[in-house]
All heavy atoms as atom14 arrays in JSON, in Angstrom:
{
  "sequence": "VYDEITRRHPEAEVIIPPRGTAVVSESGTMRRDAHLRTIERHGRIA",
  "atom14_mask": [
    [1, 1, 1, 1, 1, 1, 1, 0, 0, 0, 0, 0, 0, 0],
    [1, 1, 1, 1, 1, 1, 1, 1, 1, 1, 1, 1, 0, 0],
    [1, 1, 1, 1, 1, 1, 1, 1, 0, 0, 0, 0, 0, 0],
    [1, 1, 1, 1, 1, 1, 1, 1, 1, 0, 0, 0, 0, 0],
    [1, 1, 1, 1, 1, 1, 1, 1, 0, 0, 0, 0, 0, 0],
    [1, 1, 1, 1, 1, 1, 1, 0, 0, 0, 0, 0, 0, 0],
    [1, 1, 1, 1, 1, 1, 1, 1, 1, 1, 1, 0, 0, 0],
    [1, 1, 1, 1, 1, 1, 1, 1, 1, 1, 1, 0, 0, 0],
    [1, 1, 1, 1, 1, 1, 1, 1, 1, 1, 0, 0, 0, 0],
    [1, 1, 1, 1, 1, 1, 1, 0, 0, 0, 0, 0, 0, 0],
    [1, 1, 1, 1, 1, 1, 1, 1, 1, 0, 0, 0, 0, 0],
    [1, 1, 1, 1, 1, 0, 0, 0, 0, 0, 0, 0, 0, 0],
    [1, 1, 1, 1, 1, 1, 1, 1, 1, 0, 0, 0, 0, 0],
    [1, 1, 1, 1, 1, 1, 1, 0, 0, 0, 0, 0, 0, 0],
    [1, 1, 1, 1, 1, 1, 1, 1, 0, 0, 0, 0, 0, 0],
    [1, 1, 1, 1, 1, 1, 1, 1, 0, 0, 0, 0, 0, 0],
    [1, 1, 1, 1, 1, 1, 1, 0, 0, 0, 0, 0, 0, 0],
    [1, 1, 1, 1, 1, 1, 1, 0, 0, 0, 0, 0, 0, 0],
    [1, 1, 1, 1, 1, 1, 1, 1, 1, 1, 1, 0, 0, 0],
    [1, 1, 1, 1, 0, 0, 0, 0, 0, 0, 0, 0, 0, 0],
    [1, 1, 1, 1, 1, 1, 1, 0, 0, 0, 0, 0, 0, 0],
    [1, 1, 1, 1, 1, 0, 0, 0, 0, 0, 0, 0, 0, 0],
    [1, 1, 1, 1, 1, 1, 1, 0, 0, 0, 0, 0, 0, 0],
    [1, 1, 1, 1, 1, 1, 1, 0, 0, 0, 0, 0, 0, 0],
    [1, 1, 1, 1, 1, 1, 0, 0, 0, 0, 0, 0, 0, 0],
    [1, 1, 1, 1, 1, 1, 1, 1, 1, 0, 0, 0, 0, 0],
    [1, 1, 1, 1, 1, 1, 0, 0, 0, 0, 0, 0, 0, 0],
    [1, 1, 1, 1, 0, 0, 0, 0, 0, 0, 0, 0, 0, 0],
    [1, 1, 1, 1, 1, 1, 1, 0, 0, 0, 0, 0, 0, 0],
    [1, 1, 1, 1, 1, 1, 1, 1, 0, 0, 0, 0, 0, 0],
    [1, 1, 1, 1, 1, 1, 1, 1, 1, 1, 1, 0, 0, 0],
    [1, 1, 1, 1, 1, 1, 1, 1, 1, 1, 1, 0, 0, 0],
    [1, 1, 1, 1, 1, 1, 1, 1, 0, 0, 0, 0, 0, 0],
    [1, 1, 1, 1, 1, 0, 0, 0, 0, 0, 0, 0, 0, 0],
    [1, 1, 1, 1, 1, 1, 1, 1, 1, 1, 0, 0, 0, 0],
    [1, 1, 1, 1, 1, 1, 1, 1, 0, 0, 0, 0, 0, 0],
    [1, 1, 1, 1, 1, 1, 1, 1, 1, 1, 1, 0, 0, 0],
    [1, 1, 1, 1, 1, 1, 1, 0, 0, 0, 0, 0, 0, 0],
    [1, 1, 1, 1, 1, 1, 1, 1, 0, 0, 0, 0, 0, 0],
    [1, 1, 1, 1, 1, 1, 1, 1, 1, 0, 0, 0, 0, 0],
    [1, 1, 1, 1, 1, 1, 1, 1, 1, 1, 1, 0, 0, 0],
    [1, 1, 1, 1, 1, 1, 1, 1, 1, 1, 0, 0, 0, 0],
    [1, 1, 1, 1, 0, 0, 0, 0, 0, 0, 0, 0, 0, 0],
    [1, 1, 1, 1, 1, 1, 1, 1, 1, 1, 1, 0, 0, 0],
    [1, 1, 1, 1, 1, 1, 1, 1, 0, 0, 0, 0, 0, 0],
    [1, 1, 1, 1, 1, 0, 0, 0, 0, 0, 0, 0, 0, 0]
  ],
  "atom14_positions": [
    [[-1.16, -2.46, 9.0], [-1.18, -3.99, 8.63], [0.2, -4.46, 8.49], [0.53, -5.43, 9.27], [-2.16, -4.16, 7.63], [-1.97, -5.77, 7.15], [-3.56, -3.81, 7.85], [0.0, 0.0, 0.0], [0.0, 0.0, 0.0], [0.0, 0.0, 0.0], [0.0, 0.0, 0.0], [0.0, 0.0, 0.0], [0.0, 0.0, 0.0], [0.0, 0.0, 0.0]],
    [[0.99, -3.78, 7.67], [2.26, -4.3, 7.48], [3.13, -4.3, 8.73], [3.99, -5.21, 9.07], [2.98, -3.56, 6.21], [2.6, -3.97, 4.94], [1.42, -3.35, 4.37], [3.35, -4.82, 4.19], [1.01, -3.76, 3.09], [2.96, -5.17, 2.92], [1.83, -4.62, 2.38], [1.35, -5.1, 1.19], [0.0, 0.0, 0.0], [0.0, 0.0, 0.0]],
    [[3.02, -3.11, 9.46], [3.79, -3.05, 10.7], [3.36, -4.1, 11.78], [4.2, -4.65, 12.31], [3.46, -1.59, 11.35], [3.91, -0.47, 10.46], [4.65, -0.76, 9.57], [3.62, 0.69, 10.62], [0.0, 0.0, 0.0], [0.0, 0.0, 0.0], [0.0, 0.0, 0.0], [0.0, 0.0, 0.0], [0.0, 0.0, 0.0], [0.0, 0.0, 0.0]],
    [[2.1, -4.29, 11.95], [1.64, -5.35, 12.92], [2.19, -6.68, 12.58], [2.55, -7.42, 13.46], [0.22, -5.3, 12.99], [-0.44, -4.2, 13.83], [-0.02, -4.18, 15.28], [0.0, -5.36, 15.94], [0.26, -3.04, 15.77], [0.0, 0.0, 0.0], [0.0, 0.0, 0.0], [0.0, 0.0, 0.0], [0.0, 0.0, 0.0], [0.0, 0.0, 0.0]],
    [[2.02, -7.05, 11.3], [2.63, -8.36, 10.86], [4.1, -8.51, 11.07], [4.59, -9.46, 11.53], [2.09, -8.7, 9.38], [0.55, -8.79, 9.27], [2.86, -10.01, 8.82], [0.12, -8.64, 7.79], [0.0, 0.0, 0.0], [0.0, 0.0, 0.0], [0.0, 0.0, 0.0], [0.0, 0.0, 0.0], [0.0, 0.0, 0.0], [0.0, 0.0, 0.0]],
    [[4.8, -7.36, 10.62], [6.29, -7.34, 10.81], [6.68, -7.53, 12.19], [7.61, -8.28, 12.61], [6.74, -6.15, 10.16], [6.51, -6.07, 8.72], [8.34, -6.11, 10.32], [0.0, 0.0, 0.0], [0.0, 0.0, 0.0], [0.0, 0.0, 0.0], [0.0, 0.0, 0.0], [0.0, 0.0, 0.0], [0.0, 0.0, 0.0], [0.0, 0.0, 0.0]],
    [[5.94, -6.83, 13.1], [6.32, -6.82, 14.44], [6.06, -8.19, 15.27], [6.84, -8.75, 15.93], [5.39, -5.74, 15.27], [5.8, -5.61, 16.68], [5.09, -4.34, 17.38], [3.61, -4.56, 17.42], [3.06, -5.25, 18.25], [3.79, -5.86, 19.25], [1.76, -5.3, 18.36], [0.0, 0.0, 0.0], [0.0, 0.0, 0.0], [0.0, 0.0, 0.0]],
    [[4.95, -8.86, 14.75], [4.67, -10.06, 15.53], [5.23, -11.41, 14.81], [5.58, -12.38, 15.38], [3.1, -10.19, 15.42], [2.44, -9.24, 16.25], [0.98, -9.09, 15.85], [0.26, -8.03, 16.49], [-0.53, -8.13, 17.48], [-0.83, -9.18, 18.02], [-1.04, -6.88, 17.95], [0.0, 0.0, 0.0], [0.0, 0.0, 0.0], [0.0, 0.0, 0.0]],
    [[5.35, -11.18, 13.41], [6.0, -12.33, 12.66], [6.79, -11.78, 11.6], [6.53, -11.75, 10.47], [4.71, -13.11, 12.0], [3.65, -13.62, 12.97], [3.9, -14.72, 13.71], [2.5, -13.16, 13.28], [2.88, -14.99, 14.49], [2.03, -14.06, 14.28], [0.0, 0.0, 0.0], [0.0, 0.0, 0.0], [0.0, 0.0, 0.0], [0.0, 0.0, 0.0]],
    [[7.96, -11.46, 11.89], [8.95, -10.78, 11.05], [9.38, -11.59, 9.77], [9.67, -10.91, 8.77], [10.24, -10.53, 11.94], [9.97, -11.17, 13.26], [8.6, -11.55, 13.28], [0.0, 0.0, 0.0], [0.0, 0.0, 0.0], [0.0, 0.0, 0.0], [0.0, 0.0, 0.0], [0.0, 0.0, 0.0], [0.0, 0.0, 0.0], [0.0, 0.0, 0.0]],
    [[9.23, -12.77, 9.82], [9.68, -13.72, 8.73], [8.35, -13.82, 7.7], [8.67, -14.5, 6.67], [10.21, -15.13, 9.26], [11.39, -14.98, 10.1], [12.56, -14.3, 9.38], [12.79, -14.46, 8.14], [13.23, -13.5, 10.02], [0.0, 0.0, 0.0], [0.0, 0.0, 0.0], [0.0, 0.0, 0.0], [0.0, 0.0, 0.0], [0.0, 0.0, 0.0]],
    [[7.24, -13.52, 8.17], [5.97, -13.7, 7.28], [6.11, -12.94, 6.08], [6.35, -11.76, 6.15], [4.82, -13.49, 8.15], [0.0, 0.0, 0.0], [0.0, 0.0, 0.0], [0.0, 0.0, 0.0], [0.0, 0.0, 0.0], [0.0, 0.0, 0.0], [0.0, 0.0, 0.0], [0.0, 0.0, 0.0], [0.0, 0.0, 0.0], [0.0, 0.0, 0.0]],
    [[5.6, -13.59, 5.01], [5.52, -12.89, 3.77], [4.28, -12.21, 3.73], [3.17, -12.73, 4.23], [5.57, -13.92, 2.55], [5.4, -13.24, 1.32], [6.59, -12.39, 0.9], [7.78, -12.72, 1.2], [6.33, -11.4, 0.08], [0.0, 0.0, 0.0], [0.0, 0.0, 0.0], [0.0, 0.0, 0.0], [0.0, 0.0, 0.0], [0.0, 0.0, 0.0]],
    [[4.02, -10.95, 3.29], [2.74, -10.24, 3.33], [2.36, -10.07, 1.89], [3.04, -9.62, 1.06], [2.94, -8.9, 4.07], [1.66, -8.12, 3.95], [3.51, -8.97, 5.46], [0.0, 0.0, 0.0], [0.0, 0.0, 0.0], [0.0, 0.0, 0.0], [0.0, 0.0, 0.0], [0.0, 0.0, 0.0], [0.0, 0.0, 0.0], [0.0, 0.0, 0.0]],
    [[1.14, -10.68, 1.67], [0.56, -10.79, 0.29], [-0.72, -10.07, 0.25], [-1.77, -10.62, 0.45], [0.42, -12.27, -0.26], [1.86, -13.0, 0.01], [-0.02, -12.23, -1.64], [1.84, -14.39, -0.18], [0.0, 0.0, 0.0], [0.0, 0.0, 0.0], [0.0, 0.0, 0.0], [0.0, 0.0, 0.0], [0.0, 0.0, 0.0], [0.0, 0.0, 0.0]],
    [[-0.57, -8.73, 0.07], [-1.94, -7.9, -0.02], [-1.55, -7.03, -1.25], [-0.62, -6.41, -1.33], [-1.95, -7.0, 1.22], [-2.03, -7.92, 2.5], [-3.07, -6.06, 1.14], [-1.95, -7.2, 3.82], [0.0, 0.0, 0.0], [0.0, 0.0, 0.0], [0.0, 0.0, 0.0], [0.0, 0.0, 0.0], [0.0, 0.0, 0.0], [0.0, 0.0, 0.0]],
    [[-2.62, -7.05, -2.13], [-2.56, -6.22, -3.38], [-2.43, -4.66, -3.0], [-3.42, -4.29, -2.39], [-3.64, -6.64, -4.2], [-4.43, -7.25, -3.26], [-3.83, -7.93, -2.11], [0.0, 0.0, 0.0], [0.0, 0.0, 0.0], [0.0, 0.0, 0.0], [0.0, 0.0, 0.0], [0.0, 0.0, 0.0], [0.0, 0.0, 0.0], [0.0, 0.0, 0.0]],
    [[-1.4, -4.02, -3.39], [-1.4, -2.64, -3.1], [-2.65, -1.86, -3.98], [-2.91, -2.29, -4.99], [-0.08, -1.99, -3.6], [0.65, -3.27, -3.78], [-0.15, -4.36, -4.04], [0.0, 0.0, 0.0], [0.0, 0.0, 0.0], [0.0, 0.0, 0.0], [0.0, 0.0, 0.0], [0.0, 0.0, 0.0], [0.0, 0.0, 0.0], [0.0, 0.0, 0.0]],
    [[-3.18, -0.84, -3.37], [-4.12, -0.16, -4.11], [-3.57, 0.46, -5.46], [-2.42, 0.75, -5.4], [-4.7, 1.08, -3.22], [-5.32, 0.57, -1.86], [-5.74, 1.72, -0.91], [-6.06, 1.2, 0.31], [-7.24, 0.79, 0.64], [-8.37, 0.86, -0.11], [-7.54, 0.34, 1.88], [0.0, 0.0, 0.0], [0.0, 0.0, 0.0], [0.0, 0.0, 0.0]],
    [[-4.44, 0.72, -6.25], [-3.96, 1.33, -7.56], [-3.3, 2.76, -7.44], [-2.5, 3.2, -8.28], [0.0, 0.0, 0.0], [0.0, 0.0, 0.0], [0.0, 0.0, 0.0], [0.0, 0.0, 0.0], [0.0, 0.0, 0.0], [0.0, 0.0, 0.0], [0.0, 0.0, 0.0], [0.0, 0.0, 0.0], [0.0, 0.0, 0.0], [0.0, 0.0, 0.0]],
    [[-3.65, 3.35, -6.34], [-3.02, 4.76, -6.11], [-1.84, 4.72, -5.2], [-1.35, 5.79, -4.9], [-4.07, 5.67, -5.41], [-4.54, 5.04, -4.19], [-5.31, 5.97, -6.46], [0.0, 0.0, 0.0], [0.0, 0.0, 0.0], [0.0, 0.0, 0.0], [0.0, 0.0, 0.0], [0.0, 0.0, 0.0], [0.0, 0.0, 0.0], [0.0, 0.0, 0.0]],
    [[-1.41, 3.59, -4.76], [-0.29, 3.42, -3.88], [1.11, 3.9, -4.55], [1.37, 3.69, -5.71], [-0.09, 2.01, -3.43], [0.0, 0.0, 0.0], [0.0, 0.0, 0.0], [0.0, 0.0, 0.0], [0.0, 0.0, 0.0], [0.0, 0.0, 0.0], [0.0, 0.0, 0.0], [0.0, 0.0, 0.0], [0.0, 0.0, 0.0], [0.0, 0.0, 0.0]],
    [[1.99, 4.55, -3.66], [3.34, 4.98, -4.19], [4.34, 4.42, -3.29], [4.0, 4.09, -2.1], [3.32, 6.48, -4.29], [2.3, 6.99, -5.19], [2.99, 7.13, -2.88], [0.0, 0.0, 0.0], [0.0, 0.0, 0.0], [0.0, 0.0, 0.0], [0.0, 0.0, 0.0], [0.0, 0.0, 0.0], [0.0, 0.0, 0.0], [0.0, 0.0, 0.0]],
    [[5.53, 4.39, -3.83], [6.62, 3.89, -3.09], [6.79, 4.91, -1.96], [6.87, 6.16, -2.17], [7.89, 3.62, -3.82], [9.08, 3.35, -3.06], [7.46, 2.63, -4.94], [0.0, 0.0, 0.0], [0.0, 0.0, 0.0], [0.0, 0.0, 0.0], [0.0, 0.0, 0.0], [0.0, 0.0, 0.0], [0.0, 0.0, 0.0], [0.0, 0.0, 0.0]],
    [[7.12, 4.38, -0.72], [7.4, 5.36, 0.49], [8.72, 6.14, 0.19], [9.58, 5.71, -0.57], [7.49, 4.55, 1.78], [8.68, 3.69, 1.76], [0.0, 0.0, 0.0], [0.0, 0.0, 0.0], [0.0, 0.0, 0.0], [0.0, 0.0, 0.0], [0.0, 0.0, 0.0], [0.0, 0.0, 0.0], [0.0, 0.0, 0.0], [0.0, 0.0, 0.0]],
    [[8.88, 7.23, 0.85], [10.1, 8.11, 0.77], [11.35, 7.24, 1.17], [12.4, 7.44, 0.5], [9.97, 9.32, 1.63], [8.98, 10.3, 1.04], [8.93, 11.55, 1.84], [9.9, 11.9, 2.59], [7.84, 12.24, 1.84], [0.0, 0.0, 0.0], [0.0, 0.0, 0.0], [0.0, 0.0, 0.0], [0.0, 0.0, 0.0], [0.0, 0.0, 0.0]],
    [[11.32, 6.42, 2.14], [12.53, 5.75, 2.56], [12.79, 4.59, 1.58], [13.83, 4.15, 1.47], [12.29, 5.21, 4.01], [11.24, 4.33, 4.07], [0.0, 0.0, 0.0], [0.0, 0.0, 0.0], [0.0, 0.0, 0.0], [0.0, 0.0, 0.0], [0.0, 0.0, 0.0], [0.0, 0.0, 0.0], [0.0, 0.0, 0.0], [0.0, 0.0, 0.0]],
    [[11.68, 4.11, 0.93], [11.88, 2.99, 0.02], [12.08, 1.68, 0.59], [12.71, 0.77, -0.06], [0.0, 0.0, 0.0], [0.0, 0.0, 0.0], [0.0, 0.0, 0.0], [0.0, 0.0, 0.0], [0.0, 0.0, 0.0], [0.0, 0.0, 0.0], [0.0, 0.0, 0.0], [0.0, 0.0, 0.0], [0.0, 0.0, 0.0], [0.0, 0.0, 0.0]],
    [[11.96, 1.58, 1.9], [12.41, 0.27, 2.47], [11.24, -0.58, 3.09], [11.4, -1.67, 3.67], [13.38, 0.53, 3.79], [12.67, 1.48, 4.63], [14.56, 1.27, 3.35], [0.0, 0.0, 0.0], [0.0, 0.0, 0.0], [0.0, 0.0, 0.0], [0.0, 0.0, 0.0], [0.0, 0.0, 0.0], [0.0, 0.0, 0.0], [0.0, 0.0, 0.0]],
    [[10.02, -0.01, 2.95], [8.83, -0.84, 3.43], [8.75, -2.07, 2.58], [8.94, -2.13, 1.41], [7.55, 0.03, 3.34], [7.68, 1.22, 4.32], [6.21, 2.28, 4.27], [4.84, 1.04, 4.63], [0.0, 0.0, 0.0], [0.0, 0.0, 0.0], [0.0, 0.0, 0.0], [0.0, 0.0, 0.0], [0.0, 0.0, 0.0], [0.0, 0.0, 0.0]],
    [[8.12, -3.12, 3.15], [7.83, -4.44, 2.72], [6.96, -4.14, 1.38], [7.02, -4.82, 0.34], [7.24, -5.44, 3.5], [8.04, -5.71, 4.72], [7.36, -6.55, 5.68], [7.74, -7.88, 5.54], [7.22, -8.9, 6.29], [6.27, -8.6, 7.13], [7.58, -10.15, 6.05], [0.0, 0.0, 0.0], [0.0, 0.0, 0.0], [0.0, 0.0, 0.0]],
    [[5.97, -3.31, 1.56], [5.01, -2.99, 0.52], [5.72, -2.33, -0.67], [5.27, -2.66, -1.81], [3.98, -2.08, 1.05], [2.91, -1.62, 0.14], [1.9, -0.91, 1.0], [0.92, -0.18, 0.25], [0.88, 1.17, 0.13], [1.85, 1.8, 0.8], [0.01, 1.63, -0.52], [0.0, 0.0, 0.0], [0.0, 0.0, 0.0], [0.0, 0.0, 0.0]],
    [[6.78, -1.69, -0.58], [7.53, -1.04, -1.55], [8.02, -1.99, -2.53], [8.18, -1.78, -3.85], [8.6, -0.13, -1.12], [8.12, 1.07, -0.25], [6.96, 1.46, -0.51], [8.85, 1.64, 0.53], [0.0, 0.0, 0.0], [0.0, 0.0, 0.0], [0.0, 0.0, 0.0], [0.0, 0.0, 0.0], [0.0, 0.0, 0.0], [0.0, 0.0, 0.0]],
    [[8.49, -3.19, -2.09], [8.84, -4.28, -2.97], [7.87, -4.7, -3.9], [8.11, -4.98, -5.09], [9.44, -5.41, -2.21], [0.0, 0.0, 0.0], [0.0, 0.0, 0.0], [0.0, 0.0, 0.0], [0.0, 0.0, 0.0], [0.0, 0.0, 0.0], [0.0, 0.0, 0.0], [0.0, 0.0, 0.0], [0.0, 0.0, 0.0], [0.0, 0.0, 0.0]],
    [[6.66, -4.84, -3.38], [5.42, -5.27, -4.19], [5.22, -4.2, -5.28], [4.97, -4.4, -6.44], [4.14, -5.41, -3.35], [4.3, -6.41, -2.29], [4.82, -7.71, -2.64], [4.1, -6.59, -1.12], [4.71, -8.4, -1.58], [4.19, -7.66, -0.59], [0.0, 0.0, 0.0], [0.0, 0.0, 0.0], [0.0, 0.0, 0.0], [0.0, 0.0, 0.0]],
    [[5.26, -2.84, -4.93], [4.98, -1.8, -5.85], [6.0, -1.79, -6.98], [5.82, -1.55, -8.12], [4.99, -0.33, -5.11], [3.83, -0.14, -4.27], [4.07, 0.91, -3.34], [2.55, -0.17, -4.99], [0.0, 0.0, 0.0], [0.0, 0.0, 0.0], [0.0, 0.0, 0.0], [0.0, 0.0, 0.0], [0.0, 0.0, 0.0], [0.0, 0.0, 0.0]],
    [[7.34, -2.03, -6.55], [8.44, -1.94, -7.5], [8.19, -3.16, -8.58], [8.41, -2.95, -9.8], [9.8, -2.06, -6.92], [10.18, -0.78, -6.25], [11.68, -0.82, -5.92], [11.86, 0.36, -4.96], [11.73, 0.07, -3.6], [11.55, -1.02, -3.12], [12.05, 1.1, -2.79], [0.0, 0.0, 0.0], [0.0, 0.0, 0.0], [0.0, 0.0, 0.0]],
    [[7.92, -4.3, -8.15], [7.63, -5.5, -8.87], [6.46, -5.24, -9.85], [6.61, -5.46, -11.03], [7.32, -6.72, -8.12], [8.43, -6.95, -7.24], [7.14, -7.9, -9.04], [0.0, 0.0, 0.0], [0.0, 0.0, 0.0], [0.0, 0.0, 0.0], [0.0, 0.0, 0.0], [0.0, 0.0, 0.0], [0.0, 0.0, 0.0], [0.0, 0.0, 0.0]],
    [[5.35, -4.67, -9.34], [4.23, -4.25, -10.18], [4.54, -3.21, -11.32], [4.19, -3.34, -12.36], [3.14, -3.71, -9.37], [2.43, -4.88, -8.48], [1.94, -3.12, -10.25], [1.5, -4.47, -7.45], [0.0, 0.0, 0.0], [0.0, 0.0, 0.0], [0.0, 0.0, 0.0], [0.0, 0.0, 0.0], [0.0, 0.0, 0.0], [0.0, 0.0, 0.0]],
    [[5.38, -2.18, -10.86], [5.87, -1.22, -11.92], [6.67, -1.71, -12.96], [6.68, -1.51, -14.14], [6.87, -0.2, -11.14], [6.02, 0.79, -10.36], [6.94, 1.87, -9.53], [8.2, 1.82, -9.77], [6.43, 2.76, -8.82], [0.0, 0.0, 0.0], [0.0, 0.0, 0.0], [0.0, 0.0, 0.0], [0.0, 0.0, 0.0], [0.0, 0.0, 0.0]],
    [[7.67, -2.77, -12.53], [8.52, -3.42, -13.53], [7.78, -4.46, -14.54], [8.02, -4.48, -15.61], [9.76, -4.0, -12.92], [10.73, -3.1, -12.55], [12.07, -3.86, -12.04], [12.34, -3.16, -10.92], [12.44, -3.84, -9.59], [12.26, -5.03, -9.53], [12.65, -3.13, -8.52], [0.0, 0.0, 0.0], [0.0, 0.0, 0.0], [0.0, 0.0, 0.0]],
    [[6.94, -5.36, -13.84], [6.6, -6.5, -14.53], [5.04, -6.57, -14.62], [4.43, -7.43, -15.3], [6.96, -7.69, -13.84], [8.63, -7.78, -13.68], [9.34, -7.95, -14.63], [9.21, -7.64, -12.39], [10.56, -7.9, -14.22], [10.52, -7.78, -12.84], [0.0, 0.0, 0.0], [0.0, 0.0, 0.0], [0.0, 0.0, 0.0], [0.0, 0.0, 0.0]],
    [[4.23, -5.73, -14.03], [2.8, -5.56, -13.92], [2.17, -6.48, -12.8], [2.69, -7.2, -12.22], [0.0, 0.0, 0.0], [0.0, 0.0, 0.0], [0.0, 0.0, 0.0], [0.0, 0.0, 0.0], [0.0, 0.0, 0.0], [0.0, 0.0, 0.0], [0.0, 0.0, 0.0], [0.0, 0.0, 0.0], [0.0, 0.0, 0.0], [0.0, 0.0, 0.0]],
    [[0.86, -6.12, -12.62], [0.21, -6.67, -11.49], [0.03, -8.17, -11.62], [0.16, -8.91, -10.62], [-1.15, -6.04, -11.39], [-1.78, -6.38, -10.03], [-3.02, -5.44, -9.75], [-2.69, -4.08, -9.44], [-2.62, -3.73, -7.99], [-2.72, -4.6, -6.98], [-2.18, -2.55, -7.83], [0.0, 0.0, 0.0], [0.0, 0.0, 0.0], [0.0, 0.0, 0.0]],
    [[-0.32, -8.69, -12.83], [-0.44, -10.17, -12.93], [0.78, -10.9, -12.63], [0.73, -11.92, -12.08], [-0.9, -10.47, -14.5], [-2.2, -9.76, -14.67], [-1.02, -11.89, -14.68], [-3.34, -10.17, -13.89], [0.0, 0.0, 0.0], [0.0, 0.0, 0.0], [0.0, 0.0, 0.0], [0.0, 0.0, 0.0], [0.0, 0.0, 0.0], [0.0, 0.0, 0.0]],
    [[1.98, -10.44, -13.13], [3.25, -11.12, -12.74], [3.46, -11.04, -11.29], [4.0, -12.04, -10.72], [4.43, -10.45, -13.56], [0.0, 0.0, 0.0], [0.0, 0.0, 0.0], [0.0, 0.0, 0.0], [0.0, 0.0, 0.0], [0.0, 0.0, 0.0], [0.0, 0.0, 0.0], [0.0, 0.0, 0.0], [0.0, 0.0, 0.0], [0.0, 0.0, 0.0]]
  ]
}
């Protein structure tokens, strides 16, 4: 989903809540990783 959105609309913000079991990718550069880091630091509500 992230790949398709990025390919077609690179400037679009992707707002999809990561699953509770989601982990940061090895490369750490995926758009979803930024969401996961924010959730780790500040919580899901923030």
